[in-house]
Each structure stands twice: as C-alpha cells, then as structure tokens.
Amino acid sequence: MKAILTAALLCLATTLATTASAQDDPAAGATLYATHCVACHGATRAGVPGTFPALTDVGKRLQPAQIKEKIQKGGGLMPPFSQLTEQEVNDLAAFLAQ
C-alpha cells in the first residue's frame, strides 16, 4: 500500500512539474515578438496597410490554434518560423492574443 501511495505521489509531482513549466509566458512572447516580428508588423503591432497585417486584436479575430499555425507555417509574405520551439510559439501566441 505504501509503495502504491509513493508511486502515485511521484506521478502527481511529475505531472504538476510538467504542467507548471509548460505554461504560456506572454512576457517571453513579447521578447520573441521584438526579435522576429517587429521588422514587419511594427513595435505597436499596427502593421503596414496593404503589406503586413496589423496584429492588434488578433486574438479577437483568430483562435489560439490559428495564431500558432500562422507562426509555424507562415503565409503570404510571412515566412514560417519553424525554428521556434513549441513553447516559444505558445509564448508568442499568448503575447499576441492579449
């Protein structure tokens, strides 16, 4: 019984640690935005009309999964950012959805 309880607690602790480290971080996303997105979409996310779309209120226009897909696959003039890790994509999407 003690071994089962110990194993269950170990599984729970591992699950909680994984969940805590996988939370989206909009502050990290802001840094990623400054590095990868500002050149086209601008510091205020206003974009360039007719060339680069505004990303202000993008969270109201697109679902989180759609934002992530656009980051990963690109589209139009936007290149894919396949070099970003899944966590970086999540962080960037969290920043953009604010």
PDB file of N, CA and C in Angstrom:
ATOM      1  N   MET A   1       0.830  -1.196   0.000  1.00  0.00           N
ATOM      2  CA  MET A   1       0.000   0.000   0.000  1.00  0.00           C
ATOM      3  C   MET A   1       0.869   1.252   0.000  1.00  0.00           C
ATOM      4  N   LYS A   2       1.946   1.228   0.826  1.00  0.00           N
ATOM      5  CA  LYS A   2       2.849   2.371   0.916  1.00  0.00           C
ATOM      6  C   LYS A   2       3.553   2.611  -0.417  1.00  0.00           C
ATOM      7  N   ALA A   3       3.926   1.544  -1.096  1.00  0.00           N
ATOM      8  CA  ALA A   3       4.601   1.668  -2.394  1.00  0.00           C
ATOM      9  C   ALA A   3       3.656   2.267  -3.439  1.00  0.00           C
ATOM     10  N   ILE A   4       2.392   1.880  -3.394  1.00  0.00           N
ATOM     11  CA  ILE A   4       1.406   2.416  -4.337  1.00  0.00           C
ATOM     12  C   ILE A   4       1.199   3.904  -4.094  1.00  0.00           C
ATOM     13  N   LEU A   5       1.096   4.288  -2.834  1.00  0.00           N
ATOM     14  CA  LEU A   5       0.925   5.697  -2.487  1.00  0.00           C
ATOM     15  C   LEU A   5       2.139   6.517  -2.919  1.00  0.00           C
ATOM     16  N   THR A   6       3.321   5.984  -2.692  1.00  0.00           N
ATOM     17  CA  THR A   6       4.547   6.672  -3.092  1.00  0.00           C
ATOM     18  C   THR A   6       4.589   6.838  -4.604  1.00  0.00           C
ATOM     19  N   ALA A   7       4.255   5.810  -5.334  1.00  0.00           N
ATOM     20  CA  ALA A   7       4.245   5.875  -6.795  1.00  0.00           C
ATOM     21  C   ALA A   7       3.210   6.888  -7.286  1.00  0.00           C
ATOM     22  N   ALA A   8       2.052   6.910  -6.665  1.00  0.00           N
ATOM     23  CA  ALA A   8       1.006   7.862  -7.060  1.00  0.00           C
ATOM     24  C   ALA A   8       1.449   9.294  -6.803  1.00  0.00           C
ATOM     25  N   LEU A   9       2.068   9.545  -5.668  1.00  0.00           N
ATOM     26  CA  LEU A   9       2.566  10.883  -5.359  1.00  0.00           C
ATOM     27  C   LEU A   9       3.672  11.299  -6.317  1.00  0.00           C
ATOM     28  N   LEU A  10       4.530  10.367  -6.687  1.00  0.00           N
ATOM     29  CA  LEU A  10       5.591  10.658  -7.645  1.00  0.00           C
ATOM     30  C   LEU A  10       5.006  11.024  -9.009  1.00  0.00           C
ATOM     31  N   CYS A  11       3.998  10.294  -9.446  1.00  0.00           N
ATOM     32  CA  CYS A  11       3.335  10.604 -10.722  1.00  0.00           C
ATOM     33  C   CYS A  11       2.670  11.973 -10.670  1.00  0.00           C
ATOM     34  N   LEU A  12       2.009  12.267  -9.583  1.00  0.00           N
ATOM     35  CA  LEU A  12       1.350  13.557  -9.424  1.00  0.00           C
ATOM     36  C   LEU A  12       2.368  14.695  -9.445  1.00  0.00           C
ATOM     37  N   ALA A  13       3.472  14.537  -8.738  1.00  0.00           N
ATOM     38  CA  ALA A  13       4.513  15.568  -8.703  1.00  0.00           C
ATOM     39  C   ALA A  13       5.106  15.782 -10.086  1.00  0.00           C
ATOM     40  N   THR A  14       5.327  14.721 -10.827  1.00  0.00           N
ATOM     41  CA  THR A  14       5.867  14.833 -12.185  1.00  0.00           C
ATOM     42  C   THR A  14       4.882  15.559 -13.095  1.00  0.00           C
ATOM     43  N   THR A  15       3.617  15.221 -12.988  1.00  0.00           N
ATOM     44  CA  THR A  15       2.589  15.876 -13.790  1.00  0.00           C
ATOM     45  C   THR A  15       2.507  17.360 -13.466  1.00  0.00           C
ATOM     46  N   LEU A  16       2.517  17.702 -12.207  1.00  0.00           N
ATOM     47  CA  LEU A  16       2.449  19.110 -11.809  1.00  0.00           C
ATOM     48  C   LEU A  16       3.681  19.877 -12.263  1.00  0.00           C
ATOM     49  N   ALA A  17       4.843  19.284 -12.187  1.00  0.00           N
ATOM     50  CA  ALA A  17       6.066  19.957 -12.626  1.00  0.00           C
ATOM     51  C   ALA A  17       6.034  20.194 -14.121  1.00  0.00           C
ATOM     52  N   THR A  18       5.559  19.229 -14.876  1.00  0.00           N
ATOM     53  CA  THR A  18       5.459  19.384 -16.327  1.00  0.00           C
ATOM     54  C   THR A  18       4.460  20.465 -16.677  1.00  0.00           C
ATOM     55  N   THR A  19       3.325  20.485 -16.010  1.00  0.00           N
ATOM     56  CA  THR A  19       2.299  21.489 -16.274  1.00  0.00           C
ATOM     57  C   THR A  19       2.800  22.882 -15.937  1.00  0.00           C
ATOM     58  N   ALA A  20       3.485  23.030 -14.834  1.00  0.00           N
ATOM     59  CA  ALA A  20       3.978  24.341 -14.415  1.00  0.00           C
ATOM     60  C   ALA A  20       5.010  24.884 -15.394  1.00  0.00           C
ATOM     61  N   SER A  21       5.863  24.027 -15.934  1.00  0.00           N
ATOM     62  CA  SER A  21       6.896  24.503 -16.833  1.00  0.00           C
ATOM     63  C   SER A  21       6.357  24.763 -18.233  1.00  0.00           C
ATOM     64  N   ALA A  22       5.175  24.247 -18.546  1.00  0.00           N
ATOM     65  CA  ALA A  22       4.638  24.382 -19.892  1.00  0.00           C
ATOM     66  C   ALA A  22       3.633  25.526 -20.022  1.00  0.00           C
ATOM     67  N   GLN A  23       3.498  26.365 -18.994  1.00  0.00           N
ATOM     68  CA  GLN A  23       2.552  27.464 -19.073  1.00  0.00           C
ATOM     69  C   GLN A  23       3.055  28.508 -20.063  1.00  0.00           C
ATOM     70  N   ASP A  24       2.113  29.112 -20.771  1.00  0.00           N
ATOM     71  CA  ASP A  24       2.459  30.146 -21.731  1.00  0.00           C
ATOM     72  C   ASP A  24       2.922  31.396 -20.999  1.00  0.00           C
ATOM     73  N   ASP A  25       3.914  32.069 -21.559  1.00  0.00           N
ATOM     74  CA  ASP A  25       4.517  33.237 -20.923  1.00  0.00           C
ATOM     75  C   ASP A  25       4.466  34.421 -21.887  1.00  0.00           C
ATOM     76  N   PRO A  26       3.441  35.284 -21.759  1.00  0.00           N
ATOM     77  CA  PRO A  26       3.332  36.436 -22.659  1.00  0.00           C
ATOM     78  C   PRO A  26       4.553  37.361 -22.612  1.00  0.00           C
ATOM     79  N   ALA A  27       5.228  37.458 -21.464  1.00  0.00           N
ATOM     80  CA  ALA A  27       6.424  38.310 -21.377  1.00  0.00           C
ATOM     81  C   ALA A  27       7.540  37.743 -22.264  1.00  0.00           C
ATOM     82  N   ALA A  28       7.700  36.439 -22.251  1.00  0.00           N
ATOM     83  CA  ALA A  28       8.677  35.808 -23.140  1.00  0.00           C
ATOM     84  C   ALA A  28       8.233  35.991 -24.590  1.00  0.00           C
ATOM     85  N   GLY A  29       6.929  35.942 -24.815  1.00  0.00           N
ATOM     86  CA  GLY A  29       6.389  36.172 -26.158  1.00  0.00           C
ATOM     87  C   GLY A  29       6.677  37.574 -26.659  1.00  0.00           C
ATOM     88  N   ALA A  30       6.651  38.554 -25.764  1.00  0.00           N
ATOM     89  CA  ALA A  30       6.961  39.944 -26.148  1.00  0.00           C
ATOM     90  C   ALA A  30       8.400  40.053 -26.625  1.00  0.00           C
ATOM     91  N   THR A  31       9.293  39.348 -25.956  1.00  0.00           N
ATOM     92  CA  THR A  31      10.698  39.335 -26.372  1.00  0.00           C
ATOM     93  C   THR A  31      10.844  38.679 -27.744  1.00  0.00           C
ATOM     94  N   LEU A  32      10.140  37.576 -27.944  1.00  0.00           N
ATOM     95  CA  LEU A  32      10.170  36.904 -29.242  1.00  0.00           C
ATOM     96  C   LEU A  32       9.589  37.798 -30.333  1.00  0.00           C
ATOM     97  N   TYR A  33       8.521  38.521 -30.012  1.00  0.00           N
ATOM     98  CA  TYR A  33       7.919  39.449 -30.972  1.00  0.00           C
ATOM     99  C   TYR A  33       8.943  40.504 -31.378  1.00  0.00           C
ATOM    100  N   ALA A  34       9.650  41.060 -30.404  1.00  0.00           N
ATOM    101  CA  ALA A  34      10.656  42.089 -30.686  1.00  0.00           C
ATOM    102  C   ALA A  34      11.769  41.547 -31.585  1.00  0.00           C
ATOM    103  N   THR A  35      12.085  40.281 -31.424  1.00  0.00           N
ATOM    104  CA  THR A  35      13.149  39.663 -32.202  1.00  0.00           C
ATOM    105  C   THR A  35      12.698  39.278 -33.614  1.00  0.00           C
ATOM    106  N   HIS A  36      11.507  38.714 -33.738  1.00  0.00           N
ATOM    107  CA  HIS A  36      11.105  38.096 -35.003  1.00  0.00           C
ATOM    108  C   HIS A  36      10.017  38.830 -35.781  1.00  0.00           C
ATOM    109  N   CYS A  37       9.262  39.725 -35.141  1.00  0.00           N
ATOM    110  CA  CYS A  37       8.056  40.252 -35.782  1.00  0.00           C
ATOM    111  C   CYS A  37       8.052  41.762 -36.004  1.00  0.00           C
ATOM    112  N   VAL A  38       8.785  42.490 -35.166  1.00  0.00           N
ATOM    113  CA  VAL A  38       8.742  43.953 -35.190  1.00  0.00           C
ATOM    114  C   VAL A  38       9.116  44.526 -36.558  1.00  0.00           C
ATOM    115  N   ALA A  39      10.059  43.926 -37.245  1.00  0.00           N
ATOM    116  CA  ALA A  39      10.525  44.476 -38.523  1.00  0.00           C
ATOM    117  C   ALA A  39       9.377  44.625 -39.525  1.00  0.00           C
ATOM    118  N   CYS A  40       8.428  43.729 -39.513  1.00  0.00           N
ATOM    119  CA  CYS A  40       7.309  43.800 -40.462  1.00  0.00           C
ATOM    120  C   CYS A  40       6.033  44.359 -39.838  1.00  0.00           C
ATOM    121  N   HIS A  41       5.714  43.927 -38.636  1.00  0.00           N
ATOM    122  CA  HIS A  41       4.442  44.296 -38.033  1.00  0.00           C
ATOM    123  C   HIS A  41       4.528  45.524 -37.130  1.00  0.00           C
ATOM    124  N   GLY A  42       5.744  45.995 -36.852  1.00  0.00           N
ATOM    125  CA  GLY A  42       5.929  47.213 -36.081  1.00  0.00           C
ATOM    126  C   GLY A  42       5.866  47.011 -34.577  1.00  0.00           C
ATOM    127  N   ALA A  43       6.444  47.972 -33.870  1.00  0.00           N
ATOM    128  CA  ALA A  43       6.509  47.891 -32.409  1.00  0.00           C
ATOM    129  C   ALA A  43       5.134  47.939 -31.764  1.00  0.00           C
ATOM    130  N   THR A  44       4.190  48.608 -32.408  1.00  0.00           N
ATOM    131  CA  THR A  44       2.839  48.702 -31.843  1.00  0.00           C
ATOM    132  C   THR A  44       1.892  47.665 -32.439  1.00  0.00           C
ATOM    133  N   ARG A  45       2.403  46.779 -33.257  1.00  0.00           N
ATOM    134  CA  ARG A  45       1.641  45.719 -33.937  1.00  0.00           C
ATOM    135  C   ARG A  45       0.634  46.275 -34.945  1.00  0.00           C
ATOM    136  N   ALA A  46       0.846  47.525 -35.391  1.00  0.00           N
ATOM    137  CA  ALA A  46      -0.082  48.164 -36.332  1.00  0.00           C
ATOM    138  C   ALA A  46       0.105  47.674 -37.761  1.00  0.00           C
ATOM    139  N   GLY A  47       1.222  47.018 -38.065  1.00  0.00           N
ATOM    140  CA  GLY A  47       1.469  46.518 -39.405  1.00  0.00           C
ATOM    141  C   GLY A  47       1.694  47.639 -40.406  1.00  0.00           C
ATOM    142  N   VAL A  48       1.659  47.273 -41.671  1.00  0.00           N
ATOM    143  CA  VAL A  48       1.766  48.223 -42.776  1.00  0.00           C
ATOM    144  C   VAL A  48       0.580  47.925 -43.693  1.00  0.00           C
ATOM    145  N   PRO A  49      -0.424  48.812 -43.738  1.00  0.00           N
ATOM    146  CA  PRO A  49      -1.626  48.534 -44.533  1.00  0.00           C
ATOM    147  C   PRO A  49      -1.289  48.123 -45.962  1.00  0.00           C
ATOM    148  N   GLY A  50      -1.899  47.043 -46.383  1.00  0.00           N
ATOM    149  CA  GLY A  50      -1.712  46.529 -47.735  1.00  0.00           C
ATOM    150  C   GLY A  50      -0.508  45.630 -47.897  1.00  0.00           C
ATOM    151  N   THR A  51       0.367  45.598 -46.901  1.00  0.00           N
ATOM    152  CA  THR A  51       1.565  44.765 -46.998  1.00  0.00           C
ATOM    153  C   THR A  51       1.648  43.768 -45.851  1.00  0.00           C
ATOM    154  N   PHE A  52       1.709  44.290 -44.623  1.00  0.00           N
ATOM    155  CA  PHE A  52       1.808  43.446 -43.438  1.00  0.00           C
ATOM    156  C   PHE A  52       0.610  43.742 -42.542  1.00  0.00           C
ATOM    157  N   PRO A  53      -0.189  42.726 -42.233  1.00  0.00           N
ATOM    158  CA  PRO A  53      -1.409  42.980 -41.451  1.00  0.00           C
ATOM    159  C   PRO A  53      -1.118  43.425 -40.025  1.00  0.00           C
ATOM    160  N   ALA A  54      -2.032  44.196 -39.501  1.00  0.00           N
ATOM    161  CA  ALA A  54      -1.964  44.596 -38.098  1.00  0.00           C
ATOM    162  C   ALA A  54      -2.215  43.373 -37.219  1.00  0.00           C
ATOM    163  N   LEU A  55      -1.504  43.315 -36.128  1.00  0.00           N
ATOM    164  CA  LEU A  55      -1.690  42.216 -35.184  1.00  0.00           C
ATOM    165  C   LEU A  55      -2.380  42.683 -33.909  1.00  0.00           C
ATOM    166  N   THR A  56      -2.816  43.938 -33.903  1.00  0.00           N
ATOM    167  CA  THR A  56      -3.603  44.424 -32.772  1.00  0.00           C
ATOM    168  C   THR A  56      -4.929  43.683 -32.789  1.00  0.00           C
ATOM    169  N   ASP A  57      -5.359  43.236 -31.668  1.00  0.00           N
ATOM    170  CA  ASP A  57      -6.621  42.492 -31.519  1.00  0.00           C
ATOM    171  C   ASP A  57      -6.679  41.211 -32.346  1.00  0.00           C
ATOM    172  N   VAL A  58      -5.527  40.645 -32.689  1.00  0.00           N
ATOM    173  CA  VAL A  58      -5.531  39.406 -33.466  1.00  0.00           C
ATOM    174  C   VAL A  58      -6.201  38.281 -32.675  1.00  0.00           C
ATOM    175  N   GLY A  59      -6.136  38.366 -31.352  1.00  0.00           N
ATOM    176  CA  GLY A  59      -6.792  37.359 -30.515  1.00  0.00           C
ATOM    177  C   GLY A  59      -8.300  37.382 -30.630  1.00  0.00           C
ATOM    178  N   LYS A  60      -8.855  38.491 -31.109  1.00  0.00           N
ATOM    179  CA  LYS A  60     -10.306  38.582 -31.327  1.00  0.00           C
ATOM    180  C   LYS A  60     -10.691  38.066 -32.711  1.00  0.00           C
ATOM    181  N   ARG A  61      -9.730  38.029 -33.623  1.00  0.00           N
ATOM    182  CA  ARG A  61     -10.007  37.601 -34.997  1.00  0.00           C
ATOM    183  C   ARG A  61      -9.664  36.144 -35.262  1.00  0.00           C
ATOM    184  N   LEU A  62      -8.686  35.632 -34.516  1.00  0.00           N
ATOM    185  CA  LEU A  62      -8.230  34.262 -34.740  1.00  0.00           C
ATOM    186  C   LEU A  62      -8.233  33.491 -33.426  1.00  0.00           C
ATOM    187  N   GLN A  63      -8.487  32.207 -33.525  1.00  0.00           N
ATOM    188  CA  GLN A  63      -8.386  31.309 -32.377  1.00  0.00           C
ATOM    189  C   GLN A  63      -6.905  31.085 -32.063  1.00  0.00           C
ATOM    190  N   PRO A  64      -6.563  30.737 -30.812  1.00  0.00           N
ATOM    191  CA  PRO A  64      -5.157  30.487 -30.475  1.00  0.00           C
ATOM    192  C   PRO A  64      -4.479  29.487 -31.410  1.00  0.00           C
ATOM    193  N   ALA A  65      -5.171  28.433 -31.779  1.00  0.00           N
ATOM    194  CA  ALA A  65      -4.581  27.436 -32.685  1.00  0.00           C
ATOM    195  C   ALA A  65      -4.271  28.039 -34.055  1.00  0.00           C
ATOM    196  N   GLN A  66      -5.112  28.954 -34.521  1.00  0.00           N
ATOM    197  CA  GLN A  66      -4.871  29.604 -35.812  1.00  0.00           C
ATOM    198  C   GLN A  66      -3.658  30.534 -35.740  1.00  0.00           C
ATOM    199  N   ILE A  67      -3.502  31.225 -34.628  1.00  0.00           N
ATOM    200  CA  ILE A  67      -2.337  32.101 -34.445  1.00  0.00           C
ATOM    201  C   ILE A  67      -1.067  31.254 -34.467  1.00  0.00           C
ATOM    202  N   LYS A  68      -1.083  30.161 -33.741  1.00  0.00           N
ATOM    203  CA  LYS A  68       0.088  29.277 -33.683  1.00  0.00           C
ATOM    204  C   LYS A  68       0.416  28.697 -35.050  1.00  0.00           C
ATOM    205  N   GLU A  69      -0.614  28.303 -35.791  1.00  0.00           N
ATOM    206  CA  GLU A  69      -0.389  27.736 -37.121  1.00  0.00           C
ATOM    207  C   GLU A  69       0.237  28.774 -38.054  1.00  0.00           C
ATOM    208  N   LYS A  70      -0.232  30.011 -37.974  1.00  0.00           N
ATOM    209  CA  LYS A  70       0.315  31.073 -38.822  1.00  0.00           C
ATOM    210  C   LYS A  70       1.786  31.321 -38.484  1.00  0.00           C
ATOM    211  N   ILE A  71       2.118  31.288 -37.195  1.00  0.00           N
ATOM    212  CA  ILE A  71       3.510  31.478 -36.780  1.00  0.00           C
ATOM    213  C   ILE A  71       4.372  30.342 -37.332  1.00  0.00           C
ATOM    214  N   GLN A  72       3.901  29.131 -37.211  1.00  0.00           N
ATOM    215  CA  GLN A  72       4.682  27.967 -37.615  1.00  0.00           C
ATOM    216  C   GLN A  72       4.782  27.800 -39.126  1.00  0.00           C
ATOM    217  N   LYS A  73       3.692  28.079 -39.841  1.00  0.00           N
ATOM    218  CA  LYS A  73       3.657  27.794 -41.281  1.00  0.00           C
ATOM    219  C   LYS A  73       3.797  29.029 -42.154  1.00  0.00           C
ATOM    220  N   GLY A  74       3.587  30.224 -41.568  1.00  0.00           N
ATOM    221  CA  GLY A  74       3.658  31.447 -42.358  1.00  0.00           C
ATOM    222  C   GLY A  74       2.472  31.546 -43.300  1.00  0.00           C
ATOM    223  N   GLY A  75       2.605  32.409 -44.293  1.00  0.00           N
ATOM    224  CA  GLY A  75       1.553  32.587 -45.290  1.00  0.00           C
ATOM    225  C   GLY A  75       1.681  33.952 -45.933  1.00  0.00           C
ATOM    226  N   GLY A  76       1.412  34.041 -47.219  1.00  0.00           N
ATOM    227  CA  GLY A  76       1.585  35.305 -47.922  1.00  0.00           C
ATOM    228  C   GLY A  76       3.050  35.699 -47.890  1.00  0.00           C
ATOM    229  N   LEU A  77       3.336  36.923 -47.459  1.00  0.00           N
ATOM    230  CA  LEU A  77       4.721  37.387 -47.346  1.00  0.00           C
ATOM    231  C   LEU A  77       5.418  36.896 -46.080  1.00  0.00           C
ATOM    232  N   MET A  78       4.638  36.358 -45.150  1.00  0.00           N
ATOM    233  CA  MET A  78       5.218  35.928 -43.879  1.00  0.00           C
ATOM    234  C   MET A  78       5.890  34.569 -44.019  1.00  0.00           C
ATOM    235  N   PRO A  79       7.168  34.507 -43.636  1.00  0.00           N
ATOM    236  CA  PRO A  79       7.848  33.206 -43.689  1.00  0.00           C
ATOM    237  C   PRO A  79       7.423  32.335 -42.519  1.00  0.00           C
ATOM    238  N   PRO A  80       7.604  31.032 -42.638  1.00  0.00           N
ATOM    239  CA  PRO A  80       7.343  30.165 -41.487  1.00  0.00           C
ATOM    240  C   PRO A  80       8.451  30.347 -40.455  1.00  0.00           C
ATOM    241  N   PHE A  81       8.093  30.281 -39.203  1.00  0.00           N
ATOM    242  CA  PHE A  81       9.072  30.371 -38.127  1.00  0.00           C
ATOM    243  C   PHE A  81       9.239  28.997 -37.493  1.00  0.00           C
ATOM    244  N   SER A  82       9.622  28.045 -38.321  1.00  0.00           N
ATOM    245  CA  SER A  82       9.752  26.656 -37.892  1.00  0.00           C
ATOM    246  C   SER A  82      10.931  26.450 -36.940  1.00  0.00           C
ATOM    247  N   GLN A  83      11.818  27.439 -36.831  1.00  0.00           N
ATOM    248  CA  GLN A  83      12.944  27.318 -35.906  1.00  0.00           C
ATOM    249  C   GLN A  83      12.519  27.528 -34.459  1.00  0.00           C
ATOM    250  N   LEU A  84      11.329  28.084 -34.237  1.00  0.00           N
ATOM    251  CA  LEU A  84      10.847  28.306 -32.879  1.00  0.00           C
ATOM    252  C   LEU A  84      10.378  26.993 -32.268  1.00  0.00           C
ATOM    253  N   THR A  85      10.657  26.826 -30.999  1.00  0.00           N
ATOM    254  CA  THR A  85      10.178  25.632 -30.295  1.00  0.00           C
ATOM    255  C   THR A  85       8.672  25.759 -30.074  1.00  0.00           C
ATOM    256  N   GLU A  86       8.049  24.680 -29.711  1.00  0.00           N
ATOM    257  CA  GLU A  86       6.617  24.700 -29.430  1.00  0.00           C
ATOM    258  C   GLU A  86       6.304  25.674 -28.298  1.00  0.00           C
ATOM    259  N   GLN A  87       7.153  25.684 -27.260  1.00  0.00           N
ATOM    260  CA  GLN A  87       6.936  26.600 -26.138  1.00  0.00           C
ATOM    261  C   GLN A  87       7.073  28.059 -26.589  1.00  0.00           C
ATOM    262  N   GLU A  88       8.033  28.342 -27.456  1.00  0.00           N
ATOM    263  CA  GLU A  88       8.202  29.707 -27.961  1.00  0.00           C
ATOM    264  C   GLU A  88       6.989  30.136 -28.781  1.00  0.00           C
ATOM    265  N   VAL A  89       6.471  29.237 -29.584  1.00  0.00           N
ATOM    266  CA  VAL A  89       5.259  29.534 -30.357  1.00  0.00           C
ATOM    267  C   VAL A  89       4.101  29.808 -29.405  1.00  0.00           C
ATOM    268  N   ASN A  90       3.967  28.998 -28.365  1.00  0.00           N
ATOM    269  CA  ASN A  90       2.907  29.209 -27.374  1.00  0.00           C
ATOM    270  C   ASN A  90       3.062  30.558 -26.680  1.00  0.00           C
ATOM    271  N   ASP A  91       4.292  30.907 -26.328  1.00  0.00           N
ATOM    272  CA  ASP A  91       4.548  32.188 -25.653  1.00  0.00           C
ATOM    273  C   ASP A  91       4.226  33.361 -26.581  1.00  0.00           C
ATOM    274  N   LEU A  92       4.655  33.273 -27.820  1.00  0.00           N
ATOM    275  CA  LEU A  92       4.387  34.340 -28.792  1.00  0.00           C
ATOM    276  C   LEU A  92       2.899  34.479 -29.046  1.00  0.00           C
ATOM    277  N   ALA A  93       2.208  33.355 -29.191  1.00  0.00           N
ATOM    278  CA  ALA A  93       0.758  33.394 -29.398  1.00  0.00           C
ATOM    279  C   ALA A  93       0.044  33.987 -28.184  1.00  0.00           C
ATOM    280  N   ALA A  94       0.531  33.679 -26.988  1.00  0.00           N
ATOM    281  CA  ALA A  94      -0.064  34.245 -25.768  1.00  0.00           C
ATOM    282  C   ALA A  94       0.108  35.763 -25.746  1.00  0.00           C
ATOM    283  N   PHE A  95       1.267  36.241 -26.157  1.00  0.00           N
ATOM    284  CA  PHE A  95       1.509  37.683 -26.228  1.00  0.00           C
ATOM    285  C   PHE A  95       0.582  38.329 -27.252  1.00  0.00           C
ATOM    286  N   LEU A  96       0.475  37.734 -28.427  1.00  0.00           N
ATOM    287  CA  LEU A  96      -0.339  38.304 -29.492  1.00  0.00           C
ATOM    288  C   LEU A  96      -1.831  38.296 -29.144  1.00  0.00           C
ATOM    289  N   ALA A  97      -2.253  37.315 -28.391  1.00  0.00           N
ATOM    290  CA  ALA A  97      -3.679  37.200 -28.044  1.00  0.00           C
ATOM    291  C   ALA A  97      -4.116  38.200 -26.980  1.00  0.00           C
ATOM    292  N   GLN A  98      -3.169  38.874 -26.343  1.00  0.00           N
ATOM    293  CA  GLN A  98      -3.516  39.842 -25.293  1.00  0.00           C
ATOM    294  C   GLN A  98      -4.238  41.033 -25.868  1.00  0.00           C
TER     295      GLN A  98
END
